[in-house]
């Protein structure tokens, strides 16, 4: 197998892995509460790193037409993924803020907080 064919095989492999990870993540975000987003992100990052290393010797403009199409498909799915991950993280922050507010409200039930109690001089 020539280096060119080997390189083409690796391009297809890394793009296919990245696409599969993105597809799974896009399907799971908002639908599967047990989905391990951290693990998925690690795999996605590894695929992006592999792609960067693979393309360090070959520009995307130099790719075969079918690889260019595949790259554009993955890029489009990655943009959707970016939007979904941002929305997910915003929802997580909103829920965390609501929990903090609920805890703060429960602690402010008319009694002194520990900090307020320490600030009062007892004579």
Protein backbone atom coordinates (compact mmCIF):
# COMPACT_ATOMS: atom_id res chain seq x y z
CA UNK A 1 0.00 0.00 0.00
CA UNK A 2 1.45 3.34 -1.00
CA UNK A 3 1.75 6.23 1.43
CA UNK A 4 -0.99 8.11 -0.45
CA UNK A 5 -3.45 5.19 -0.11
CA UNK A 6 -2.46 4.74 3.52
CA UNK A 7 -3.03 8.44 4.14
CA UNK A 8 -6.43 8.28 2.37
CA UNK A 9 -7.41 5.31 4.53
CA UNK A 10 -6.46 7.22 7.69
CA UNK A 11 -8.41 10.30 6.55
CA UNK A 12 -11.54 8.20 6.04
CA UNK A 13 -10.97 6.50 9.41
CA UNK A 14 -10.55 9.67 11.46
CA UNK A 15 -13.41 11.50 9.73
CA UNK A 16 -15.70 8.49 10.21
CA UNK A 17 -14.81 8.16 13.91
CA UNK A 18 -15.30 11.87 14.48
CA UNK A 19 -18.62 11.82 12.65
CA UNK A 20 -19.84 8.84 14.69
CA UNK A 21 -18.91 10.51 17.99
CA UNK A 22 -20.60 13.77 16.97
CA UNK A 23 -23.73 11.92 15.80
CA UNK A 24 -23.97 10.00 19.09
CA UNK A 25 -23.41 13.15 21.14
CA UNK A 26 -25.94 15.18 19.15
CA UNK A 27 -28.54 12.43 19.58
CA UNK A 28 -27.90 12.04 23.31
CA UNK A 29 -27.75 15.67 24.45
CA UNK A 30 -31.10 16.51 25.94
CA UNK A 31 -32.41 12.97 25.48
CA UNK A 32 -30.21 10.62 27.50
CA UNK A 33 -29.57 11.73 31.08
CA UNK A 34 -27.03 8.91 31.53
CA UNK A 35 -24.93 9.99 28.55
CA UNK A 36 -21.31 10.58 29.56
CA UNK A 37 -20.60 13.95 27.97
CA UNK A 38 -17.09 14.12 29.47
CA UNK A 39 -16.09 10.78 27.92
CA UNK A 40 -17.63 11.74 24.58
CA UNK A 41 -15.80 15.06 24.64
CA UNK A 42 -12.50 13.27 25.33
CA UNK A 43 -13.02 10.98 22.36
CA UNK A 44 -14.07 13.91 20.16
CA UNK A 45 -10.97 15.87 21.23
CA UNK A 46 -8.76 12.90 20.41
CA UNK A 47 -10.34 12.59 16.95
CA UNK A 48 -9.83 16.31 16.32
CA UNK A 49 -6.20 15.98 17.44
CA UNK A 50 -5.68 12.99 15.13
CA UNK A 51 -7.26 14.94 12.29
CA UNK A 52 -4.98 17.92 12.95
CA UNK A 53 -1.91 15.69 12.94
CA UNK A 54 -3.06 13.93 9.78
CA UNK A 55 -3.72 17.19 7.96
CA UNK A 56 -0.46 18.77 9.07
CA UNK A 57 1.18 17.33 5.96
CA UNK A 58 -1.83 17.76 3.68
CA UNK A 59 -4.04 20.82 3.31
CA UNK A 60 -7.80 20.27 3.18
CA UNK A 61 -7.78 21.91 -0.27
CA UNK A 62 -5.51 19.10 -1.49
CA UNK A 63 -7.97 16.39 -0.43
CA UNK A 64 -9.76 14.16 -2.88
CA UNK A 65 -13.28 15.40 -3.72
CA UNK A 66 -15.00 12.66 -1.66
CA UNK A 67 -12.84 13.53 1.35
CA UNK A 68 -13.71 17.21 0.95
CA UNK A 69 -17.42 16.33 0.98
CA UNK A 70 -16.95 14.14 4.06
CA UNK A 71 -14.98 16.91 5.78
CA UNK A 72 -17.74 19.44 5.03
CA UNK A 73 -20.37 17.02 6.38
CA UNK A 74 -18.39 16.57 9.59
CA UNK A 75 -17.85 20.33 9.85
CA UNK A 76 -21.60 20.94 9.53
CA UNK A 77 -22.37 18.32 12.20
CA UNK A 78 -19.69 19.84 14.44
CA UNK A 79 -21.38 23.24 14.18
CA UNK A 80 -24.69 21.68 15.26
CA UNK A 81 -22.83 19.93 18.07
CA UNK A 82 -21.32 23.21 19.21
CA UNK A 83 -24.78 24.77 19.44
CA UNK A 84 -26.18 21.77 21.36
CA UNK A 85 -23.26 21.64 23.81
CA UNK A 86 -23.53 25.38 24.48
CA UNK A 87 -27.27 25.07 25.14
CA UNK A 88 -26.67 22.08 27.40
CA UNK A 89 -24.01 23.89 29.41
CA UNK A 90 -26.26 26.94 29.76
CA UNK A 91 -29.07 24.71 31.06
CA UNK A 92 -26.70 23.10 33.56
CA UNK A 93 -25.61 26.55 34.79
CA UNK A 94 -29.25 27.66 35.10
CA UNK A 95 -30.12 24.58 37.15
CA UNK A 96 -27.09 25.09 39.38
CA UNK A 97 -28.12 28.72 39.93
CA UNK A 98 -31.66 27.63 40.85
CA UNK A 99 -30.29 25.12 43.35
CA UNK A 100 -28.04 27.78 44.92
CA UNK A 101 -30.97 30.19 45.18
CA UNK A 102 -33.17 27.51 46.76
CA UNK A 103 -30.50 26.65 49.32
CA UNK A 104 -29.90 30.33 50.09
CA UNK A 105 -33.66 30.92 50.52
CA UNK A 106 -33.95 27.90 52.81
CA UNK A 107 -31.06 29.15 54.94
CA UNK A 108 -32.63 32.63 55.18
CA UNK A 109 -35.62 31.43 57.14
CA UNK A 110 -35.56 34.24 59.66
CA UNK A 111 -32.80 32.89 61.87
CA UNK A 112 -29.27 34.16 61.89
CA UNK A 113 -26.81 32.60 59.51
CA UNK A 114 -23.49 31.48 60.91
CA UNK A 115 -21.77 34.55 59.42
CA UNK A 116 -24.38 36.90 60.87
CA UNK A 117 -24.12 35.23 64.27
CA UNK A 118 -20.35 35.66 64.35
CA UNK A 119 -20.68 39.35 63.47
CA UNK A 120 -22.86 40.15 66.47
CA UNK A 121 -21.07 41.22 69.63
CA UNK A 122 -22.54 39.51 72.63
CA UNK A 123 -22.18 41.53 75.81
